[in-house]
Amino acid sequence: MLEELCVGFLQRVYGTLTSAHRELSPALVEEEIQRACHVAEGKEGRLCYYLGASQDAATRVIASVSRPLASHVPVEKICQRLGNTDTQICQLRYEPQLWDLSSAGLLKLRVAELRRVLASWGEECRGCLEKHEYVSLIQEKAPLHTYAAEL
C-alpha cells in the first residue's frame, strides 16, 4: 500500500519535535514545519506548497496543522481534516520504492526508470549511453542511498 505523503511527512516532523522538546507550542510546530519544508523536494515540496509553508505558496493553512499537532492530535486525523478542505493533499502519495537492486532486477527496468532511481538519489549518470552503464552506477551508489533510506 502506498503511504499518504501527508501522514509520513507530518509524522517525521512530529517525531523530530517530540524528541527535542517536552512541550509543544503552535509557533514551535510551525517553525519546524517551515524548516522541514525549506529542504523538502519533489512531492514533499508540493505538500509544503499546499500547506502554505513554502515561500511561493499562495495560501496559508499551516495554522490548521500546527495547532492540532501542538495539542498531540494524531497525524492521520490532521491529514483527514486537511483532505476535507483541499483534496489535492490526499492525492499526494510517495513513489513506490525500488527494493530489488540486483542486476537481474535492474535489467528488467526501462532506462527512464533507471534514470528516475538515480534522480531520486540526487545522482546523475553523465555520459551513460547504454542500460548496463546505468545499472552499474546504481549498484555502485546503492549502498550510500539505501542505508540513508532505512534511517
N, C-alpha and C. Protein backbone atom coordinates (compact mmCIF):
# COMPACT_ATOMS: atom_id res chain seq x y z
N MET A 1 0.84 -1.18 0.00
CA MET A 1 0.00 0.00 0.00
C MET A 1 0.88 1.24 0.00
N LEU A 2 0.51 2.21 -0.80
CA LEU A 2 1.26 3.46 -0.82
C LEU A 2 0.85 4.32 0.35
N GLU A 3 1.82 4.80 1.07
CA GLU A 3 1.53 5.64 2.22
C GLU A 3 1.23 7.06 1.75
N GLU A 4 0.23 7.64 2.38
CA GLU A 4 -0.11 9.01 2.06
C GLU A 4 1.04 9.91 2.49
N LEU A 5 1.41 10.80 1.62
CA LEU A 5 2.55 11.67 1.84
C LEU A 5 2.34 12.59 3.04
N CYS A 6 1.13 13.09 3.21
CA CYS A 6 0.82 13.99 4.32
C CYS A 6 1.13 13.32 5.66
N VAL A 7 0.67 12.08 5.82
CA VAL A 7 0.87 11.35 7.07
C VAL A 7 2.36 11.12 7.33
N GLY A 8 3.08 10.65 6.33
CA GLY A 8 4.51 10.38 6.51
C GLY A 8 5.31 11.63 6.83
N PHE A 9 5.02 12.72 6.13
CA PHE A 9 5.76 13.96 6.35
C PHE A 9 5.48 14.52 7.74
N LEU A 10 4.20 14.57 8.14
CA LEU A 10 3.87 15.13 9.45
C LEU A 10 4.33 14.22 10.59
N GLN A 11 4.35 12.90 10.37
CA GLN A 11 4.89 12.00 11.41
C GLN A 11 6.38 12.25 11.62
N ARG A 12 7.09 12.51 10.53
CA ARG A 12 8.51 12.79 10.66
C ARG A 12 8.74 14.11 11.40
N VAL A 13 7.96 15.12 11.08
CA VAL A 13 8.08 16.42 11.77
C VAL A 13 7.72 16.26 13.25
N TYR A 14 6.65 15.54 13.52
CA TYR A 14 6.21 15.33 14.91
C TYR A 14 7.26 14.55 15.70
N GLY A 15 7.85 13.54 15.08
CA GLY A 15 8.90 12.78 15.75
C GLY A 15 10.11 13.64 16.09
N THR A 16 10.48 14.52 15.16
CA THR A 16 11.60 15.44 15.41
C THR A 16 11.27 16.37 16.57
N LEU A 17 10.06 16.88 16.60
CA LEU A 17 9.65 17.81 17.65
C LEU A 17 9.60 17.14 19.02
N THR A 18 8.98 15.97 19.10
CA THR A 18 8.83 15.31 20.40
C THR A 18 10.16 14.79 20.94
N SER A 19 11.10 14.50 20.07
CA SER A 19 12.40 14.06 20.56
C SER A 19 13.24 15.22 21.08
N ALA A 20 12.97 16.43 20.61
CA ALA A 20 13.78 17.58 21.01
C ALA A 20 13.11 18.45 22.08
N HIS A 21 11.78 18.40 22.19
CA HIS A 21 11.06 19.31 23.10
C HIS A 21 10.03 18.54 23.92
N ARG A 22 9.88 18.95 25.17
CA ARG A 22 8.88 18.32 26.04
C ARG A 22 7.49 18.88 25.78
N GLU A 23 7.40 20.20 25.65
CA GLU A 23 6.12 20.83 25.41
C GLU A 23 6.15 21.52 24.05
N LEU A 24 5.03 21.41 23.34
CA LEU A 24 4.96 21.97 22.00
C LEU A 24 4.00 23.16 21.97
N SER A 25 4.41 24.19 21.27
CA SER A 25 3.53 25.33 21.03
C SER A 25 3.26 25.41 19.54
N PRO A 26 2.15 26.01 19.14
CA PRO A 26 1.87 26.14 17.71
C PRO A 26 2.99 26.87 16.96
N ALA A 27 3.58 27.87 17.58
CA ALA A 27 4.67 28.61 16.93
C ALA A 27 5.89 27.72 16.71
N LEU A 28 6.20 26.88 17.69
CA LEU A 28 7.33 25.96 17.57
C LEU A 28 7.07 24.93 16.47
N VAL A 29 5.87 24.41 16.41
CA VAL A 29 5.50 23.43 15.39
C VAL A 29 5.56 24.06 14.02
N GLU A 30 5.03 25.28 13.90
CA GLU A 30 5.04 25.98 12.62
C GLU A 30 6.48 26.24 12.15
N GLU A 31 7.34 26.60 13.07
CA GLU A 31 8.75 26.84 12.75
C GLU A 31 9.42 25.56 12.25
N GLU A 32 9.12 24.44 12.90
CA GLU A 32 9.71 23.15 12.49
C GLU A 32 9.18 22.71 11.13
N ILE A 33 7.90 22.93 10.87
CA ILE A 33 7.33 22.59 9.56
C ILE A 33 7.99 23.42 8.47
N GLN A 34 8.18 24.70 8.74
CA GLN A 34 8.83 25.56 7.75
C GLN A 34 10.28 25.15 7.53
N ARG A 35 10.96 24.72 8.59
CA ARG A 35 12.34 24.25 8.46
C ARG A 35 12.38 22.98 7.61
N ALA A 36 11.46 22.07 7.85
CA ALA A 36 11.40 20.83 7.06
C ALA A 36 11.03 21.13 5.61
N CYS A 37 10.16 22.10 5.41
CA CYS A 37 9.73 22.45 4.05
C CYS A 37 10.83 23.18 3.28
N HIS A 38 11.72 23.82 3.99
CA HIS A 38 12.80 24.54 3.32
C HIS A 38 13.70 23.58 2.55
N VAL A 39 13.87 22.36 3.05
CA VAL A 39 14.73 21.38 2.40
C VAL A 39 13.94 20.32 1.63
N ALA A 40 12.60 20.39 1.69
CA ALA A 40 11.77 19.39 1.02
C ALA A 40 11.84 19.56 -0.49
N GLU A 41 11.85 18.42 -1.17
CA GLU A 41 11.89 18.42 -2.63
C GLU A 41 10.79 17.51 -3.16
N GLY A 42 10.49 17.66 -4.42
CA GLY A 42 9.54 16.77 -5.08
C GLY A 42 8.14 16.90 -4.52
N LYS A 43 7.55 15.76 -4.22
CA LYS A 43 6.17 15.75 -3.75
C LYS A 43 6.03 16.33 -2.35
N GLU A 44 7.06 16.20 -1.52
CA GLU A 44 7.00 16.84 -0.21
C GLU A 44 7.02 18.35 -0.36
N GLY A 45 7.76 18.85 -1.34
CA GLY A 45 7.74 20.28 -1.63
C GLY A 45 6.37 20.74 -2.10
N ARG A 46 5.69 19.89 -2.85
CA ARG A 46 4.33 20.19 -3.30
C ARG A 46 3.39 20.25 -2.10
N LEU A 47 3.54 19.33 -1.13
CA LEU A 47 2.73 19.35 0.08
C LEU A 47 2.96 20.65 0.85
N CYS A 48 4.21 21.06 0.94
CA CYS A 48 4.53 22.31 1.64
C CYS A 48 3.87 23.50 0.94
N TYR A 49 3.80 23.44 -0.37
CA TYR A 49 3.14 24.50 -1.13
C TYR A 49 1.65 24.54 -0.77
N TYR A 50 1.02 23.37 -0.71
CA TYR A 50 -0.41 23.31 -0.37
C TYR A 50 -0.67 23.78 1.05
N LEU A 51 0.28 23.50 1.97
CA LEU A 51 0.12 23.93 3.36
C LEU A 51 0.41 25.42 3.55
N GLY A 52 1.12 26.00 2.62
CA GLY A 52 1.49 27.40 2.74
C GLY A 52 2.79 27.59 3.49
N ALA A 53 3.59 26.55 3.57
CA ALA A 53 4.85 26.63 4.31
C ALA A 53 6.04 26.93 3.40
N SER A 54 5.81 27.00 2.10
CA SER A 54 6.90 27.35 1.19
C SER A 54 6.81 28.84 0.85
N GLN A 55 7.91 29.38 0.33
CA GLN A 55 7.94 30.82 0.07
C GLN A 55 7.03 31.23 -1.07
N ASP A 56 6.78 30.34 -2.02
CA ASP A 56 5.97 30.70 -3.18
C ASP A 56 4.49 30.33 -3.03
N ALA A 57 4.07 29.94 -1.84
CA ALA A 57 2.70 29.49 -1.63
C ALA A 57 1.71 30.65 -1.72
N ALA A 58 0.57 30.36 -2.31
CA ALA A 58 -0.45 31.39 -2.47
C ALA A 58 -1.37 31.46 -1.25
N THR A 59 -1.64 30.34 -0.62
CA THR A 59 -2.50 30.32 0.56
C THR A 59 -1.67 29.90 1.77
N ARG A 60 -2.26 30.04 2.94
CA ARG A 60 -1.54 29.73 4.16
C ARG A 60 -2.49 29.02 5.13
N VAL A 61 -2.41 27.69 5.16
CA VAL A 61 -3.24 26.90 6.07
C VAL A 61 -2.37 26.15 7.08
N ILE A 62 -1.16 26.63 7.27
CA ILE A 62 -0.23 25.94 8.17
C ILE A 62 -0.72 25.97 9.62
N ALA A 63 -1.53 26.97 9.98
CA ALA A 63 -2.06 27.05 11.34
C ALA A 63 -3.01 25.89 11.61
N SER A 64 -3.71 25.40 10.59
CA SER A 64 -4.62 24.27 10.79
C SER A 64 -3.84 22.96 10.97
N VAL A 65 -2.53 23.01 10.80
CA VAL A 65 -1.67 21.86 11.07
C VAL A 65 -0.93 22.07 12.39
N SER A 66 -0.41 23.27 12.61
CA SER A 66 0.45 23.49 13.78
C SER A 66 -0.33 23.46 15.10
N ARG A 67 -1.53 24.00 15.13
CA ARG A 67 -2.30 23.97 16.38
C ARG A 67 -2.66 22.55 16.81
N PRO A 68 -3.26 21.73 15.92
CA PRO A 68 -3.56 20.36 16.37
C PRO A 68 -2.31 19.52 16.67
N LEU A 69 -1.25 19.72 15.91
CA LEU A 69 -0.03 18.96 16.16
C LEU A 69 0.59 19.33 17.50
N ALA A 70 0.48 20.61 17.88
CA ALA A 70 0.98 21.04 19.19
C ALA A 70 0.14 20.44 20.31
N SER A 71 -1.13 20.13 20.02
CA SER A 71 -2.02 19.52 21.01
C SER A 71 -1.98 18.00 20.96
N HIS A 72 -1.05 17.45 20.18
CA HIS A 72 -0.82 16.00 20.07
C HIS A 72 -2.00 15.25 19.44
N VAL A 73 -2.71 15.92 18.53
CA VAL A 73 -3.76 15.24 17.76
C VAL A 73 -3.06 14.28 16.80
N PRO A 74 -3.59 13.07 16.62
CA PRO A 74 -2.93 12.12 15.71
C PRO A 74 -2.78 12.69 14.29
N VAL A 75 -1.65 12.39 13.68
CA VAL A 75 -1.32 12.92 12.37
C VAL A 75 -2.36 12.49 11.33
N GLU A 76 -2.85 11.27 11.44
CA GLU A 76 -3.85 10.78 10.49
C GLU A 76 -5.10 11.65 10.51
N LYS A 77 -5.51 12.08 11.70
CA LYS A 77 -6.70 12.92 11.86
C LYS A 77 -6.46 14.30 11.26
N ILE A 78 -5.27 14.84 11.44
CA ILE A 78 -4.93 16.15 10.87
C ILE A 78 -4.99 16.09 9.35
N CYS A 79 -4.41 15.05 8.78
CA CYS A 79 -4.42 14.91 7.31
C CYS A 79 -5.83 14.69 6.79
N GLN A 80 -6.65 13.98 7.57
CA GLN A 80 -8.04 13.78 7.16
C GLN A 80 -8.78 15.12 7.12
N ARG A 81 -8.56 15.95 8.12
CA ARG A 81 -9.19 17.29 8.13
C ARG A 81 -8.68 18.15 6.98
N LEU A 82 -7.38 18.08 6.71
CA LEU A 82 -6.83 18.83 5.58
C LEU A 82 -7.43 18.36 4.27
N GLY A 83 -7.64 17.06 4.15
CA GLY A 83 -8.23 16.49 2.95
C GLY A 83 -9.65 16.97 2.70
N ASN A 84 -10.37 17.30 3.78
CA ASN A 84 -11.72 17.82 3.62
C ASN A 84 -11.71 19.22 3.03
N THR A 85 -10.66 19.99 3.30
CA THR A 85 -10.59 21.35 2.77
C THR A 85 -9.88 21.41 1.42
N ASP A 86 -8.88 20.55 1.21
CA ASP A 86 -8.12 20.54 -0.05
C ASP A 86 -7.84 19.09 -0.44
N THR A 87 -8.55 18.60 -1.43
CA THR A 87 -8.42 17.20 -1.82
C THR A 87 -7.07 16.88 -2.46
N GLN A 88 -6.36 17.89 -2.94
CA GLN A 88 -5.06 17.65 -3.55
C GLN A 88 -4.06 17.10 -2.55
N ILE A 89 -4.21 17.46 -1.29
CA ILE A 89 -3.29 16.99 -0.25
C ILE A 89 -3.39 15.47 -0.10
N CYS A 90 -4.61 14.93 -0.15
CA CYS A 90 -4.79 13.48 0.00
C CYS A 90 -4.35 12.72 -1.24
N GLN A 91 -4.27 13.39 -2.37
CA GLN A 91 -3.87 12.71 -3.59
C GLN A 91 -2.36 12.53 -3.70
N LEU A 92 -1.60 13.25 -2.90
CA LEU A 92 -0.14 13.10 -2.92
C LEU A 92 0.24 11.78 -2.26
N ARG A 93 1.02 11.00 -2.95
CA ARG A 93 1.49 9.70 -2.44
C ARG A 93 2.99 9.60 -2.68
N TYR A 94 3.65 8.82 -1.83
CA TYR A 94 5.06 8.53 -2.05
C TYR A 94 5.18 7.62 -3.26
N GLU A 95 6.26 7.78 -3.99
CA GLU A 95 6.54 6.88 -5.11
C GLU A 95 6.89 5.51 -4.55
N PRO A 96 6.48 4.44 -5.23
CA PRO A 96 6.87 3.12 -4.75
C PRO A 96 8.39 2.97 -4.79
N GLN A 97 8.94 2.40 -3.74
CA GLN A 97 10.39 2.26 -3.64
C GLN A 97 10.86 1.03 -4.40
N LEU A 98 12.02 1.13 -4.98
CA LEU A 98 12.64 0.02 -5.69
C LEU A 98 13.41 -0.81 -4.66
N TRP A 99 13.00 -2.05 -4.48
CA TRP A 99 13.66 -2.88 -3.49
C TRP A 99 14.64 -3.86 -4.11
N ASP A 100 14.45 -4.24 -5.35
CA ASP A 100 15.32 -5.23 -5.98
C ASP A 100 16.46 -4.52 -6.70
N LEU A 101 17.59 -4.38 -6.03
CA LEU A 101 18.74 -3.69 -6.61
C LEU A 101 19.76 -4.67 -7.19
N SER A 102 19.35 -5.90 -7.42
CA SER A 102 20.24 -6.87 -8.05
C SER A 102 20.33 -6.57 -9.54
N SER A 103 21.33 -7.13 -10.19
CA SER A 103 21.49 -6.93 -11.63
C SER A 103 20.26 -7.39 -12.39
N ALA A 104 19.75 -8.55 -12.03
CA ALA A 104 18.58 -9.08 -12.74
C ALA A 104 17.37 -8.17 -12.55
N GLY A 105 17.18 -7.67 -11.34
CA GLY A 105 16.04 -6.78 -11.07
C GLY A 105 16.17 -5.46 -11.80
N LEU A 106 17.38 -4.91 -11.84
CA LEU A 106 17.59 -3.64 -12.53
C LEU A 106 17.49 -3.78 -14.04
N LEU A 107 17.92 -4.90 -14.57
CA LEU A 107 17.87 -5.10 -16.02
C LEU A 107 16.43 -5.22 -16.54
N LYS A 108 15.49 -5.51 -15.64
CA LYS A 108 14.08 -5.58 -16.03
C LYS A 108 13.47 -4.19 -16.22
N LEU A 109 14.11 -3.18 -15.65
CA LEU A 109 13.57 -1.82 -15.73
C LEU A 109 13.95 -1.14 -17.03
N ARG A 110 13.15 -0.16 -17.41
CA ARG A 110 13.49 0.65 -18.57
C ARG A 110 14.53 1.69 -18.18
N VAL A 111 15.19 2.26 -19.17
CA VAL A 111 16.23 3.26 -18.91
C VAL A 111 15.63 4.47 -18.20
N ALA A 112 14.41 4.87 -18.58
CA ALA A 112 13.76 6.01 -17.92
C ALA A 112 13.55 5.74 -16.43
N GLU A 113 13.19 4.51 -16.09
CA GLU A 113 13.02 4.16 -14.68
C GLU A 113 14.35 4.15 -13.95
N LEU A 114 15.40 3.71 -14.61
CA LEU A 114 16.74 3.73 -14.00
C LEU A 114 17.17 5.17 -13.76
N ARG A 115 16.88 6.06 -14.71
CA ARG A 115 17.19 7.49 -14.52
C ARG A 115 16.42 8.05 -13.34
N ARG A 116 15.16 7.63 -13.19
CA ARG A 116 14.32 8.11 -12.09
C ARG A 116 14.89 7.66 -10.74
N VAL A 117 15.42 6.43 -10.69
CA VAL A 117 16.04 5.94 -9.45
C VAL A 117 17.23 6.83 -9.10
N LEU A 118 18.07 7.10 -10.08
CA LEU A 118 19.24 7.95 -9.83
C LEU A 118 18.82 9.36 -9.43
N ALA A 119 17.80 9.90 -10.09
CA ALA A 119 17.33 11.25 -9.77
C ALA A 119 16.77 11.32 -8.35
N SER A 120 16.10 10.26 -7.90
CA SER A 120 15.56 10.27 -6.54
C SER A 120 16.67 10.27 -5.50
N TRP A 121 17.85 9.81 -5.89
CA TRP A 121 19.01 9.82 -5.00
C TRP A 121 19.83 11.09 -5.17
N GLY A 122 19.46 11.93 -6.13
CA GLY A 122 20.23 13.14 -6.39
C GLY A 122 21.47 12.86 -7.22
N GLU A 123 21.48 11.75 -7.92
CA GLU A 123 22.62 11.36 -8.75
C GLU A 123 22.27 11.52 -10.22
N GLU A 124 23.30 11.54 -11.05
CA GLU A 124 23.10 11.65 -12.49
C GLU A 124 24.18 10.83 -13.17
N CYS A 125 23.83 10.19 -14.24
CA CYS A 125 24.79 9.38 -14.99
C CYS A 125 25.21 10.17 -16.23
N ARG A 126 26.31 10.87 -16.12
CA ARG A 126 26.81 11.64 -17.25
C ARG A 126 27.56 10.72 -18.20
N GLY A 127 27.21 10.81 -19.45
CA GLY A 127 27.89 10.01 -20.46
C GLY A 127 27.40 8.58 -20.58
N CYS A 128 26.32 8.24 -19.87
CA CYS A 128 25.78 6.89 -19.98
C CYS A 128 24.98 6.78 -21.27
N LEU A 129 25.32 5.80 -22.06
CA LEU A 129 24.62 5.60 -23.32
C LEU A 129 23.82 4.31 -23.33
N GLU A 130 24.26 3.34 -22.55
CA GLU A 130 23.60 2.04 -22.57
C GLU A 130 23.09 1.66 -21.19
N LYS A 131 22.13 0.76 -21.19
CA LYS A 131 21.45 0.36 -19.97
C LYS A 131 22.41 -0.19 -18.92
N HIS A 132 23.38 -1.00 -19.35
CA HIS A 132 24.29 -1.62 -18.38
C HIS A 132 25.12 -0.57 -17.64
N GLU A 133 25.36 0.58 -18.25
CA GLU A 133 26.09 1.65 -17.57
C GLU A 133 25.25 2.23 -16.43
N TYR A 134 23.95 2.41 -16.67
CA TYR A 134 23.06 2.87 -15.61
C TYR A 134 22.98 1.85 -14.47
N VAL A 135 22.87 0.57 -14.84
CA VAL A 135 22.77 -0.49 -13.85
C VAL A 135 24.02 -0.52 -12.97
N SER A 136 25.20 -0.42 -13.58
CA SER A 136 26.44 -0.47 -12.79
C SER A 136 26.56 0.75 -11.88
N LEU A 137 26.11 1.92 -12.35
CA LEU A 137 26.17 3.12 -11.50
C LEU A 137 25.20 3.00 -10.32
N ILE A 138 24.00 2.47 -10.57
CA ILE A 138 23.03 2.29 -9.48
C ILE A 138 23.58 1.32 -8.44
N GLN A 139 24.19 0.23 -8.89
CA GLN A 139 24.75 -0.73 -7.94
C GLN A 139 25.92 -0.14 -7.18
N GLU A 140 26.67 0.75 -7.81
CA GLU A 140 27.79 1.41 -7.14
C GLU A 140 27.31 2.38 -6.08
N LYS A 141 26.24 3.13 -6.37
CA LYS A 141 25.73 4.16 -5.46
C LYS A 141 24.71 3.64 -4.45
N ALA A 142 24.16 2.45 -4.67
CA ALA A 142 23.10 1.91 -3.82
C ALA A 142 23.47 1.83 -2.34
N PRO A 143 24.68 1.37 -1.96
CA PRO A 143 24.98 1.30 -0.53
C PRO A 143 24.91 2.66 0.18
N LEU A 144 25.22 3.73 -0.53
CA LEU A 144 25.16 5.06 0.08
C LEU A 144 23.73 5.49 0.34
N HIS A 145 22.83 5.15 -0.58
CA HIS A 145 21.47 5.68 -0.51
C HIS A 145 20.48 4.74 0.14
N THR A 146 20.68 3.46 0.08
CA THR A 146 19.74 2.55 0.73
C THR A 146 19.92 2.60 2.24
N TYR A 147 21.12 2.84 2.72
CA TYR A 147 21.33 2.97 4.17
C TYR A 147 20.64 4.22 4.68
N ALA A 148 20.74 5.34 3.95
CA ALA A 148 20.09 6.58 4.36
C ALA A 148 18.58 6.46 4.35
N ALA A 149 18.02 5.67 3.44
CA ALA A 149 16.58 5.49 3.37
C ALA A 149 16.05 4.67 4.53
N GLU A 150 16.89 3.76 5.08
CA GLU A 150 16.45 2.92 6.19
C GLU A 150 16.39 3.69 7.49
N LEU A 151 17.10 4.79 7.61
CA LEU A 151 17.08 5.58 8.84
C LEU A 151 15.83 6.33 8.94
